[in-house]
Protein backbone atom coordinates (compact mmCIF):
# COMPACT_ATOMS: atom_id res chain seq x y z
CA MET A 1 -3.94 -2.01 -8.18
CA LYS A 2 0.05 -3.10 -7.47
CA ARG A 3 0.19 -7.06 -7.59
CA HIS A 4 3.26 -8.16 -4.17
CA GLU A 5 4.71 -11.25 -4.31
CA TYR A 6 2.00 -12.58 -1.83
CA GLY A 7 -0.55 -10.76 -3.37
CA ILE A 8 -2.69 -7.50 -4.20
CA LEU A 9 -1.73 -4.03 -2.02
CA VAL A 10 -4.82 -2.80 -0.92
CA GLN A 11 -5.14 0.54 1.11
CA ILE A 12 -7.55 0.86 3.26
CA LYS A 13 -8.16 2.11 7.07
CA ALA A 14 -6.71 -0.34 10.15
CA LYS A 15 -10.23 -1.74 11.40
CA PHE A 16 -8.23 -2.62 14.38
CA ASP A 17 -4.86 -2.66 16.05
CA SER A 18 -1.70 -4.04 14.49
CA THR A 19 2.11 -3.93 13.59
CA CYS A 20 3.62 -3.20 10.26
CA ILE A 21 5.13 -6.44 9.09
CA GLU A 22 8.03 -4.15 8.13
CA THR A 23 9.37 -1.19 10.75
CA GLY A 24 7.46 -2.63 13.12
CA ASN A 25 5.51 0.74 13.96
CA ALA A 26 2.47 0.23 15.71
CA ILE A 27 -0.42 1.37 13.63
CA LYS A 28 -3.68 2.55 15.39
CA LYS A 29 -7.46 2.16 14.49
CA GLY A 30 -8.50 3.55 11.81
CA ASP A 31 -5.21 4.60 10.83
CA LEU A 32 -4.17 4.61 6.81
CA ILE A 33 -2.30 1.70 5.74
CA LEU A 34 -1.72 -1.03 2.65
CA TRP A 35 -3.26 -4.75 2.79
CA ALA A 36 -1.76 -7.69 1.53
CA LYS A 37 -5.00 -9.45 0.43
CA GLY A 38 -2.67 -13.08 -0.14
CA THR A 39 -0.79 -12.77 3.37
CA LYS A 40 -3.25 -10.36 5.55
CA GLN A 41 -0.29 -8.21 6.26
CA VAL A 42 -0.59 -5.11 6.91
CA TYR A 43 2.64 -1.79 5.81
CA CYS A 44 1.99 1.48 8.28
CA MET A 45 2.65 4.39 5.14
CA ASP A 46 5.95 5.33 7.16
CA SER A 47 6.66 1.08 5.01
CA LYS A 48 9.31 1.03 2.46
CA GLU A 49 6.69 -1.27 1.00
CA ALA A 50 4.19 1.70 1.12
CA GLN A 51 6.88 3.95 -0.67
CA SER A 52 6.63 1.90 -3.36
CA PHE A 53 3.29 1.07 -3.84
CA PHE A 54 2.87 4.85 -4.21
CA GLU A 55 5.45 5.79 -6.44
CA ALA A 56 3.70 2.65 -8.79
CA LYS A 57 1.07 4.18 -8.90
CA PHE A 58 2.23 7.50 -9.53
CA ASP A 59 3.48 6.22 -12.40
CA GLU A 60 0.34 4.13 -13.77
CA GLU A 61 -1.91 6.95 -13.00
CA ILE A 62 0.02 9.88 -13.77
CA LEU A 63 2.57 8.90 -16.39
CA SER A 64 0.61 6.10 -18.34
CA PRO A 65 1.61 6.68 -22.20
CA SER A 66 -1.07 4.99 -22.66
CA GLN A 67 -3.56 8.37 -22.11
CA LYS A 68 -2.90 11.40 -23.68
CA TYR A 69 -3.29 14.75 -22.55
CA TYR A 70 -4.65 17.39 -25.89
């Protein structure tokens, strides 16, 4: 999980219609979103925050130097 400046970001499905805090895009119930637990803010998948989240997740899971593949 990536730590956001106000809490932890979690990828979930939207439980109700909302608006992305960064882009202002509409979020429909059932859409994949990022939810900041501390503030309960939501980010759509088109936001820069989502892009940053998935880049960090890739770095942690794929490029982690602690994992040895041999």
